[in-house]
Each structure stands twice: as C-alpha cells, then as structure tokens.
Amino acid sequence: MSLIANIVGTGAAVCSIASFAPQVLKIWKERDASSVSLKTYTLTVACFILWVAYGWLTQAWPIVVSNSFALVMASAVLAMKWRFRDGDPAT
C-alpha cells in the first residue's frame, strides 16, 4: 500500500509543479502578464510558503521538496507579472 501511495503522491507533486510551466512559458514568450491575476498568484505563493513551512516543521520532506519546486514556479509567474505587468517588455 505504501508503494501505491508514494506513486500517487509523486504523480500529484509532478502535476502540481508542471501545471505552472505553460503559464511561465506563455508570459516569457509574449512578455505580457496583463491577463495574470496578481491577487491569485500572490495567494498561491503565500500558500506554497506555508506548505513548505508546514513540511519543514513536521519533517515531511516530500511536502517540503515538492512544494519548494511549486513555489519556485509560482514565484516565477509572480515575478514576471511585476516585470511585464503592462505587456511592456521591461529591460
């Protein structure tokens, strides 16, 4: 049963992390993040920070690792939202 749980958990972690890739790539290619919700991604980043803290405090290392990667991806979207906030390629 533990093997199945680990496979499901790993699949969930990979999907969570990968789900941000299309948004990151789209913003980067188009240099436009005007359609991205600042409030949504701010909340998403805050949630991942809390998950990482929870995992750290409970020593649940799979939660720490997977949510750290997801935090990086969500933070990239948030950073590009600031950089390309008006569809204007800031240099």
PDB file of N, CA and C in Angstrom:
ATOM      1  N   MET A   1       0.824  -1.205   0.000  1.00  0.00           N
ATOM      2  CA  MET A   1       0.000   0.000   0.000  1.00  0.00           C
ATOM      3  C   MET A   1       0.862   1.261   0.000  1.00  0.00           C
ATOM      4  N   SER A   2       1.981   1.242   0.681  1.00  0.00           N
ATOM      5  CA  SER A   2       2.869   2.389   0.747  1.00  0.00           C
ATOM      6  C   SER A   2       3.434   2.748  -0.629  1.00  0.00           C
ATOM      7  N   LEU A   3       3.752   1.738  -1.429  1.00  0.00           N
ATOM      8  CA  LEU A   3       4.277   1.986  -2.773  1.00  0.00           C
ATOM      9  C   LEU A   3       3.239   2.716  -3.621  1.00  0.00           C
ATOM     10  N   ILE A   4       2.009   2.283  -3.558  1.00  0.00           N
ATOM     11  CA  ILE A   4       0.942   2.928  -4.328  1.00  0.00           C
ATOM     12  C   ILE A   4       0.756   4.374  -3.863  1.00  0.00           C
ATOM     13  N   ALA A   5       0.765   4.587  -2.559  1.00  0.00           N
ATOM     14  CA  ALA A   5       0.633   5.947  -2.024  1.00  0.00           C
ATOM     15  C   ALA A   5       1.780   6.831  -2.501  1.00  0.00           C
ATOM     16  N   ASN A   6       2.988   6.302  -2.513  1.00  0.00           N
ATOM     17  CA  ASN A   6       4.145   7.076  -2.981  1.00  0.00           C
ATOM     18  C   ASN A   6       4.043   7.397  -4.466  1.00  0.00           C
ATOM     19  N   ILE A   7       3.553   6.456  -5.249  1.00  0.00           N
ATOM     20  CA  ILE A   7       3.387   6.700  -6.688  1.00  0.00           C
ATOM     21  C   ILE A   7       2.342   7.785  -6.919  1.00  0.00           C
ATOM     22  N   VAL A   8       1.222   7.686  -6.209  1.00  0.00           N
ATOM     23  CA  VAL A   8       0.167   8.696  -6.341  1.00  0.00           C
ATOM     24  C   VAL A   8       0.677  10.062  -5.882  1.00  0.00           C
ATOM     25  N   GLY A   9       1.378  10.092  -4.756  1.00  0.00           N
ATOM     26  CA  GLY A   9       1.922  11.349  -4.243  1.00  0.00           C
ATOM     27  C   GLY A   9       2.938  11.967  -5.181  1.00  0.00           C
ATOM     28  N   THR A  10       3.790  11.143  -5.750  1.00  0.00           N
ATOM     29  CA  THR A  10       4.784  11.634  -6.708  1.00  0.00           C
ATOM     30  C   THR A  10       4.099  12.190  -7.954  1.00  0.00           C
ATOM     31  N   GLY A  11       3.093  11.472  -8.432  1.00  0.00           N
ATOM     32  CA  GLY A  11       2.338  11.953  -9.596  1.00  0.00           C
ATOM     33  C   GLY A  11       1.662  13.283  -9.314  1.00  0.00           C
ATOM     34  N   ALA A  12       1.088  13.417  -8.134  1.00  0.00           N
ATOM     35  CA  ALA A  12       0.439  14.672  -7.752  1.00  0.00           C
ATOM     36  C   ALA A  12       1.446  15.807  -7.679  1.00  0.00           C
ATOM     37  N   ALA A  13       2.613  15.537  -7.108  1.00  0.00           N
ATOM     38  CA  ALA A  13       3.653  16.564  -6.994  1.00  0.00           C
ATOM     39  C   ALA A  13       4.133  17.007  -8.376  1.00  0.00           C
ATOM     40  N   VAL A  14       4.376  16.056  -9.257  1.00  0.00           N
ATOM     41  CA  VAL A  14       4.841  16.393 -10.604  1.00  0.00           C
ATOM     42  C   VAL A  14       3.784  17.214 -11.340  1.00  0.00           C
ATOM     43  N   CYS A  15       2.528  16.823 -11.217  1.00  0.00           N
ATOM     44  CA  CYS A  15       1.453  17.583 -11.866  1.00  0.00           C
ATOM     45  C   CYS A  15       1.341  18.997 -11.299  1.00  0.00           C
ATOM     46  N   SER A  16       1.458  19.127  -9.991  1.00  0.00           N
ATOM     47  CA  SER A  16       1.376  20.449  -9.362  1.00  0.00           C
ATOM     48  C   SER A  16       2.479  21.367  -9.864  1.00  0.00           C
ATOM     49  N   ILE A  17       3.676  20.826  -9.929  1.00  0.00           N
ATOM     50  CA  ILE A  17       4.821  21.622 -10.373  1.00  0.00           C
ATOM     51  C   ILE A  17       4.693  21.965 -11.854  1.00  0.00           C
ATOM     52  N   ALA A  18       4.386  20.960 -12.660  1.00  0.00           N
ATOM     53  CA  ALA A  18       4.312  21.141 -14.111  1.00  0.00           C
ATOM     54  C   ALA A  18       3.147  22.037 -14.523  1.00  0.00           C
ATOM     55  N   SER A  19       2.135  22.146 -13.687  1.00  0.00           N
ATOM     56  CA  SER A  19       0.963  22.944 -14.063  1.00  0.00           C
ATOM     57  C   SER A  19       1.298  24.422 -14.257  1.00  0.00           C
ATOM     58  N   PHE A  20       2.387  24.876 -13.684  1.00  0.00           N
ATOM     59  CA  PHE A  20       2.784  26.275 -13.834  1.00  0.00           C
ATOM     60  C   PHE A  20       3.611  26.522 -15.098  1.00  0.00           C
ATOM     61  N   ALA A  21       4.173  25.480 -15.672  1.00  0.00           N
ATOM     62  CA  ALA A  21       5.068  25.640 -16.824  1.00  0.00           C
ATOM     63  C   ALA A  21       4.406  26.335 -18.014  1.00  0.00           C
ATOM     64  N   PRO A  22       3.187  25.958 -18.421  1.00  0.00           N
ATOM     65  CA  PRO A  22       2.593  26.660 -19.574  1.00  0.00           C
ATOM     66  C   PRO A  22       2.429  28.157 -19.343  1.00  0.00           C
ATOM     67  N   GLN A  23       2.061  28.539 -18.121  1.00  0.00           N
ATOM     68  CA  GLN A  23       1.892  29.967 -17.822  1.00  0.00           C
ATOM     69  C   GLN A  23       3.234  30.692 -17.862  1.00  0.00           C
ATOM     70  N   VAL A  24       4.250  30.083 -17.266  1.00  0.00           N
ATOM     71  CA  VAL A  24       5.590  30.672 -17.267  1.00  0.00           C
ATOM     72  C   VAL A  24       6.076  30.874 -18.702  1.00  0.00           C
ATOM     73  N   LEU A  25       5.947  29.832 -19.523  1.00  0.00           N
ATOM     74  CA  LEU A  25       6.420  29.910 -20.908  1.00  0.00           C
ATOM     75  C   LEU A  25       5.637  30.950 -21.721  1.00  0.00           C
ATOM     76  N   LYS A  26       4.329  30.991 -21.527  1.00  0.00           N
ATOM     77  CA  LYS A  26       3.499  31.956 -22.266  1.00  0.00           C
ATOM     78  C   LYS A  26       3.884  33.393 -21.923  1.00  0.00           C
ATOM     79  N   ILE A  27       4.025  33.666 -20.637  1.00  0.00           N
ATOM     80  CA  ILE A  27       4.395  35.030 -20.231  1.00  0.00           C
ATOM     81  C   ILE A  27       5.775  35.380 -20.774  1.00  0.00           C
ATOM     82  N   TRP A  28       6.710  34.460 -20.665  1.00  0.00           N
ATOM     83  CA  TRP A  28       8.081  34.732 -21.100  1.00  0.00           C
ATOM     84  C   TRP A  28       8.144  34.992 -22.607  1.00  0.00           C
ATOM     85  N   LYS A  29       7.442  34.177 -23.395  1.00  0.00           N
ATOM     86  CA  LYS A  29       7.449  34.344 -24.843  1.00  0.00           C
ATOM     87  C   LYS A  29       6.792  35.650 -25.272  1.00  0.00           C
ATOM     88  N   GLU A  30       5.643  35.946 -24.671  1.00  0.00           N
ATOM     89  CA  GLU A  30       4.872  37.110 -25.086  1.00  0.00           C
ATOM     90  C   GLU A  30       5.287  38.399 -24.377  1.00  0.00           C
ATOM     91  N   ARG A  31       6.063  38.255 -23.299  1.00  0.00           N
ATOM     92  CA  ARG A  31       6.462  39.421 -22.495  1.00  0.00           C
ATOM     93  C   ARG A  31       5.233  40.219 -22.051  1.00  0.00           C
ATOM     94  N   ASP A  32       4.181  39.470 -21.728  1.00  0.00           N
ATOM     95  CA  ASP A  32       2.916  40.090 -21.343  1.00  0.00           C
ATOM     96  C   ASP A  32       2.276  39.259 -20.236  1.00  0.00           C
ATOM     97  N   ALA A  33       2.065  39.877 -19.104  1.00  0.00           N
ATOM     98  CA  ALA A  33       1.416  39.201 -17.976  1.00  0.00           C
ATOM     99  C   ALA A  33       0.162  39.946 -17.550  1.00  0.00           C
ATOM    100  N   SER A  34      -0.367  40.753 -18.443  1.00  0.00           N
ATOM    101  CA  SER A  34      -1.521  41.575 -18.080  1.00  0.00           C
ATOM    102  C   SER A  34      -2.754  40.740 -17.743  1.00  0.00           C
ATOM    103  N   SER A  35      -2.849  39.538 -18.278  1.00  0.00           N
ATOM    104  CA  SER A  35      -4.021  38.705 -18.003  1.00  0.00           C
ATOM    105  C   SER A  35      -3.861  37.837 -16.746  1.00  0.00           C
ATOM    106  N   VAL A  36      -2.710  37.907 -16.108  1.00  0.00           N
ATOM    107  CA  VAL A  36      -2.460  37.131 -14.900  1.00  0.00           C
ATOM    108  C   VAL A  36      -2.961  37.903 -13.685  1.00  0.00           C
ATOM    109  N   SER A  37      -3.648  37.212 -12.806  1.00  0.00           N
ATOM    110  CA  SER A  37      -4.184  37.850 -11.604  1.00  0.00           C
ATOM    111  C   SER A  37      -3.098  37.974 -10.536  1.00  0.00           C
ATOM    112  N   LEU A  38      -2.786  39.210 -10.185  1.00  0.00           N
ATOM    113  CA  LEU A  38      -1.791  39.472  -9.150  1.00  0.00           C
ATOM    114  C   LEU A  38      -2.241  38.884  -7.814  1.00  0.00           C
ATOM    115  N   LYS A  39      -3.507  39.059  -7.480  1.00  0.00           N
ATOM    116  CA  LYS A  39      -4.021  38.539  -6.211  1.00  0.00           C
ATOM    117  C   LYS A  39      -3.946  37.020  -6.157  1.00  0.00           C
ATOM    118  N   THR A  40      -4.295  36.363  -7.239  1.00  0.00           N
ATOM    119  CA  THR A  40      -4.267  34.902  -7.272  1.00  0.00           C
ATOM    120  C   THR A  40      -2.858  34.372  -7.070  1.00  0.00           C
ATOM    121  N   TYR A  41      -1.894  34.921  -7.805  1.00  0.00           N
ATOM    122  CA  TYR A  41      -0.535  34.405  -7.690  1.00  0.00           C
ATOM    123  C   TYR A  41       0.132  34.813  -6.387  1.00  0.00           C
ATOM    124  N   THR A  42      -0.239  35.951  -5.826  1.00  0.00           N
ATOM    125  CA  THR A  42       0.268  36.328  -4.510  1.00  0.00           C
ATOM    126  C   THR A  42      -0.227  35.330  -3.462  1.00  0.00           C
ATOM    127  N   LEU A  43      -1.504  34.983  -3.546  1.00  0.00           N
ATOM    128  CA  LEU A  43      -2.063  33.997  -2.621  1.00  0.00           C
ATOM    129  C   LEU A  43      -1.451  32.617  -2.845  1.00  0.00           C
ATOM    130  N   THR A  44      -1.248  32.239  -4.097  1.00  0.00           N
ATOM    131  CA  THR A  44      -0.649  30.943  -4.415  1.00  0.00           C
ATOM    132  C   THR A  44       0.759  30.845  -3.839  1.00  0.00           C
ATOM    133  N   VAL A  45       1.563  31.886  -4.016  1.00  0.00           N
ATOM    134  CA  VAL A  45       2.917  31.892  -3.466  1.00  0.00           C
ATOM    135  C   VAL A  45       2.865  31.804  -1.943  1.00  0.00           C
ATOM    136  N   ALA A  46       1.973  32.556  -1.321  1.00  0.00           N
ATOM    137  CA  ALA A  46       1.827  32.502   0.142  1.00  0.00           C
ATOM    138  C   ALA A  46       1.454  31.090   0.597  1.00  0.00           C
ATOM    139  N   CYS A  47       0.564  30.443  -0.133  1.00  0.00           N
ATOM    140  CA  CYS A  47       0.164  29.075   0.211  1.00  0.00           C
ATOM    141  C   CYS A  47       1.344  28.111   0.130  1.00  0.00           C
ATOM    142  N   PHE A  48       2.144  28.227  -0.927  1.00  0.00           N
ATOM    143  CA  PHE A  48       3.299  27.335  -1.050  1.00  0.00           C
ATOM    144  C   PHE A  48       4.325  27.600   0.050  1.00  0.00           C
ATOM    145  N   ILE A  49       4.495  28.850   0.435  1.00  0.00           N
ATOM    146  CA  ILE A  49       5.395  29.170   1.551  1.00  0.00           C
ATOM    147  C   ILE A  49       4.903  28.473   2.821  1.00  0.00           C
ATOM    148  N   LEU A  50       3.601  28.538   3.063  1.00  0.00           N
ATOM    149  CA  LEU A  50       3.038  27.881   4.246  1.00  0.00           C
ATOM    150  C   LEU A  50       3.185  26.362   4.176  1.00  0.00           C
ATOM    151  N   TRP A  51       2.985  25.762   2.993  1.00  0.00           N
ATOM    152  CA  TRP A  51       3.167  24.319   2.848  1.00  0.00           C
ATOM    153  C   TRP A  51       4.612  23.908   3.108  1.00  0.00           C
ATOM    154  N   VAL A  52       5.548  24.693   2.601  1.00  0.00           N
ATOM    155  CA  VAL A  52       6.967  24.394   2.850  1.00  0.00           C
ATOM    156  C   VAL A  52       7.262  24.499   4.343  1.00  0.00           C
ATOM    157  N   ALA A  53       6.762  25.530   4.994  1.00  0.00           N
ATOM    158  CA  ALA A  53       6.965  25.694   6.436  1.00  0.00           C
ATOM    159  C   ALA A  53       6.346  24.523   7.203  1.00  0.00           C
ATOM    160  N   TYR A  54       5.139  24.139   6.826  1.00  0.00           N
ATOM    161  CA  TYR A  54       4.477  23.004   7.471  1.00  0.00           C
ATOM    162  C   TYR A  54       5.296  21.729   7.300  1.00  0.00           C
ATOM    163  N   GLY A  55       5.737  21.480   6.084  1.00  0.00           N
ATOM    164  CA  GLY A  55       6.546  20.295   5.824  1.00  0.00           C
ATOM    165  C   GLY A  55       7.831  20.302   6.618  1.00  0.00           C
ATOM    166  N   TRP A  56       8.452  21.465   6.711  1.00  0.00           N
ATOM    167  CA  TRP A  56       9.690  21.597   7.477  1.00  0.00           C
ATOM    168  C   TRP A  56       9.441  21.322   8.966  1.00  0.00           C
ATOM    169  N   LEU A  57       8.393  21.925   9.499  1.00  0.00           N
ATOM    170  CA  LEU A  57       8.084  21.772  10.922  1.00  0.00           C
ATOM    171  C   LEU A  57       7.703  20.341  11.293  1.00  0.00           C
ATOM    172  N   THR A  58       7.067  19.639  10.362  1.00  0.00           N
ATOM    173  CA  THR A  58       6.646  18.259  10.624  1.00  0.00           C
ATOM    174  C   THR A  58       7.638  17.241  10.066  1.00  0.00           C
ATOM    175  N   GLN A  59       8.713  17.735   9.473  1.00  0.00           N
ATOM    176  CA  GLN A  59       9.739  16.905   8.850  1.00  0.00           C
ATOM    177  C   GLN A  59       9.161  15.993   7.768  1.00  0.00           C
ATOM    178  N   ALA A  60       8.186  16.510   7.056  1.00  0.00           N
ATOM    179  CA  ALA A  60       7.586  15.798   5.930  1.00  0.00           C
ATOM    180  C   ALA A  60       8.320  16.242   4.666  1.00  0.00           C
ATOM    181  N   TRP A  61       9.461  15.643   4.432  1.00  0.00           N
ATOM    182  CA  TRP A  61      10.358  16.102   3.368  1.00  0.00           C
ATOM    183  C   TRP A  61       9.765  16.036   1.973  1.00  0.00           C
ATOM    184  N   PRO A  62       8.925  15.047   1.646  1.00  0.00           N
ATOM    185  CA  PRO A  62       8.289  15.096   0.315  1.00  0.00           C
ATOM    186  C   PRO A  62       7.429  16.356   0.134  1.00  0.00           C
ATOM    187  N   ILE A  63       6.782  16.803   1.194  1.00  0.00           N
ATOM    188  CA  ILE A  63       5.986  18.034   1.111  1.00  0.00           C
ATOM    189  C   ILE A  63       6.907  19.237   0.934  1.00  0.00           C
ATOM    190  N   VAL A  64       8.016  19.242   1.645  1.00  0.00           N
ATOM    191  CA  VAL A  64       8.974  20.349   1.522  1.00  0.00           C
ATOM    192  C   VAL A  64       9.518  20.425   0.101  1.00  0.00           C
ATOM    193  N   VAL A  65       9.962  19.301  -0.421  1.00  0.00           N
ATOM    194  CA  VAL A  65      10.594  19.293  -1.747  1.00  0.00           C
ATOM    195  C   VAL A  65       9.597  19.657  -2.834  1.00  0.00           C
ATOM    196  N   SER A  66       8.456  18.985  -2.861  1.00  0.00           N
ATOM    197  CA  SER A  66       7.503  19.236  -3.945  1.00  0.00           C
ATOM    198  C   SER A  66       6.953  20.658  -3.896  1.00  0.00           C
ATOM    199  N   ASN A  67       6.648  21.143  -2.704  1.00  0.00           N
ATOM    200  CA  ASN A  67       6.112  22.498  -2.599  1.00  0.00           C
ATOM    201  C   ASN A  67       7.176  23.554  -2.814  1.00  0.00           C
ATOM    202  N   SER A  68       8.425  23.237  -2.557  1.00  0.00           N
ATOM    203  CA  SER A  68       9.511  24.174  -2.865  1.00  0.00           C
ATOM    204  C   SER A  68       9.631  24.378  -4.371  1.00  0.00           C
ATOM    205  N   PHE A  69       9.547  23.295  -5.123  1.00  0.00           N
ATOM    206  CA  PHE A  69       9.595  23.406  -6.580  1.00  0.00           C
ATOM    207  C   PHE A  69       8.380  24.172  -7.104  1.00  0.00           C
ATOM    208  N   ALA A  70       7.202  23.872  -6.565  1.00  0.00           N
ATOM    209  CA  ALA A  70       5.997  24.583  -6.978  1.00  0.00           C
ATOM    210  C   ALA A  70       6.101  26.064  -6.606  1.00  0.00           C
ATOM    211  N   LEU A  71       6.703  26.356  -5.457  1.00  0.00           N
ATOM    212  CA  LEU A  71       6.915  27.739  -5.025  1.00  0.00           C
ATOM    213  C   LEU A  71       7.794  28.488  -6.021  1.00  0.00           C
ATOM    214  N   VAL A  72       8.831  27.841  -6.494  1.00  0.00           N
ATOM    215  CA  VAL A  72       9.716  28.467  -7.480  1.00  0.00           C
ATOM    216  C   VAL A  72       8.933  28.799  -8.757  1.00  0.00           C
ATOM    217  N   MET A  73       8.123  27.851  -9.210  1.00  0.00           N
ATOM    218  CA  MET A  73       7.366  28.075 -10.446  1.00  0.00           C
ATOM    219  C   MET A  73       6.330  29.198 -10.273  1.00  0.00           C
ATOM    220  N   ALA A  74       5.589  29.161  -9.177  1.00  0.00           N
ATOM    221  CA  ALA A  74       4.581  30.192  -8.937  1.00  0.00           C
ATOM    222  C   ALA A  74       5.246  31.555  -8.728  1.00  0.00           C
ATOM    223  N   SER A  75       6.395  31.562  -8.074  1.00  0.00           N
ATOM    224  CA  SER A  75       7.130  32.814  -7.866  1.00  0.00           C
ATOM    225  C   SER A  75       7.624  33.382  -9.185  1.00  0.00           C
ATOM    226  N   ALA A  76       7.987  32.499 -10.113  1.00  0.00           N
ATOM    227  CA  ALA A  76       8.422  32.967 -11.437  1.00  0.00           C
ATOM    228  C   ALA A  76       7.281  33.683 -12.144  1.00  0.00           C
ATOM    229  N   VAL A  77       6.073  33.130 -12.053  1.00  0.00           N
ATOM    230  CA  VAL A  77       4.911  33.795 -12.650  1.00  0.00           C
ATOM    231  C   VAL A  77       4.684  35.151 -11.985  1.00  0.00           C
ATOM    232  N   LEU A  78       4.753  35.171 -10.666  1.00  0.00           N
ATOM    233  CA  LEU A  78       4.535  36.418  -9.934  1.00  0.00           C
ATOM    234  C   LEU A  78       5.592  37.462 -10.285  1.00  0.00           C
ATOM    235  N   ALA A  79       6.845  37.037 -10.368  1.00  0.00           N
ATOM    236  CA  ALA A  79       7.922  37.969 -10.725  1.00  0.00           C
ATOM    237  C   ALA A  79       7.724  38.524 -12.136  1.00  0.00           C
ATOM    238  N   MET A  80       7.313  37.663 -13.058  1.00  0.00           N
ATOM    239  CA  MET A  80       7.077  38.144 -14.419  1.00  0.00           C
ATOM    240  C   MET A  80       5.831  39.012 -14.495  1.00  0.00           C
ATOM    241  N   LYS A  81       4.884  38.785 -13.601  1.00  0.00           N
ATOM    242  CA  LYS A  81       3.711  39.668 -13.534  1.00  0.00           C
ATOM    243  C   LYS A  81       4.173  41.083 -13.216  1.00  0.00           C
ATOM    244  N   TRP A  82       5.111  41.212 -12.315  1.00  0.00           N
ATOM    245  CA  TRP A  82       5.648  42.537 -11.977  1.00  0.00           C
ATOM    246  C   TRP A  82       6.487  43.096 -13.116  1.00  0.00           C
ATOM    247  N   ARG A  83       7.306  42.247 -13.720  1.00  0.00           N
ATOM    248  CA  ARG A  83       8.212  42.715 -14.762  1.00  0.00           C
ATOM    249  C   ARG A  83       7.475  43.119 -16.042  1.00  0.00           C
ATOM    250  N   PHE A  84       6.497  42.318 -16.428  1.00  0.00           N
ATOM    251  CA  PHE A  84       5.773  42.567 -17.681  1.00  0.00           C
ATOM    252  C   PHE A  84       4.332  42.986 -17.393  1.00  0.00           C
ATOM    253  N   ARG A  85       4.126  43.719 -16.338  1.00  0.00           N
ATOM    254  CA  ARG A  85       2.762  43.993 -15.853  1.00  0.00           C
ATOM    255  C   ARG A  85       1.866  44.690 -16.861  1.00  0.00           C
ATOM    256  N   ASP A  86       2.387  45.464 -17.765  1.00  0.00           N
ATOM    257  CA  ASP A  86       1.538  46.174 -18.719  1.00  0.00           C
ATOM    258  C   ASP A  86       1.739  45.669 -20.137  1.00  0.00           C
ATOM    259  N   GLY A  87       2.293  44.466 -20.269  1.00  0.00           N
ATOM    260  CA  GLY A  87       2.607  43.975 -21.597  1.00  0.00           C
ATOM    261  C   GLY A  87       3.769  44.696 -22.203  1.00  0.00           C
ATOM    262  N   ASP A  88       4.494  45.416 -21.349  1.00  0.00           N
ATOM    263  CA  ASP A  88       5.616  46.245 -21.766  1.00  0.00           C
ATOM    264  C   ASP A  88       6.899  45.531 -21.392  1.00  0.00           C
ATOM    265  N   PRO A  89       7.721  45.132 -22.339  1.00  0.00           N
ATOM    266  CA  PRO A  89       8.935  44.389 -22.006  1.00  0.00           C
ATOM    267  C   PRO A  89       9.961  45.261 -21.274  1.00  0.00           C
ATOM    268  N   ALA A  90       9.916  45.202 -19.984  1.00  0.00           N
ATOM    269  CA  ALA A  90      10.887  45.964 -19.181  1.00  0.00           C
ATOM    270  C   ALA A  90      12.276  45.359 -19.355  1.00  0.00           C
ATOM    271  N   THR A  91      13.238  46.210 -19.486  1.00  0.00           N
ATOM    272  CA  THR A  91      14.608  45.713 -19.659  1.00  0.00           C
ATOM    273  C   THR A  91      15.467  46.098 -18.495  1.00  0.00           C
TER     274      THR A  91
END
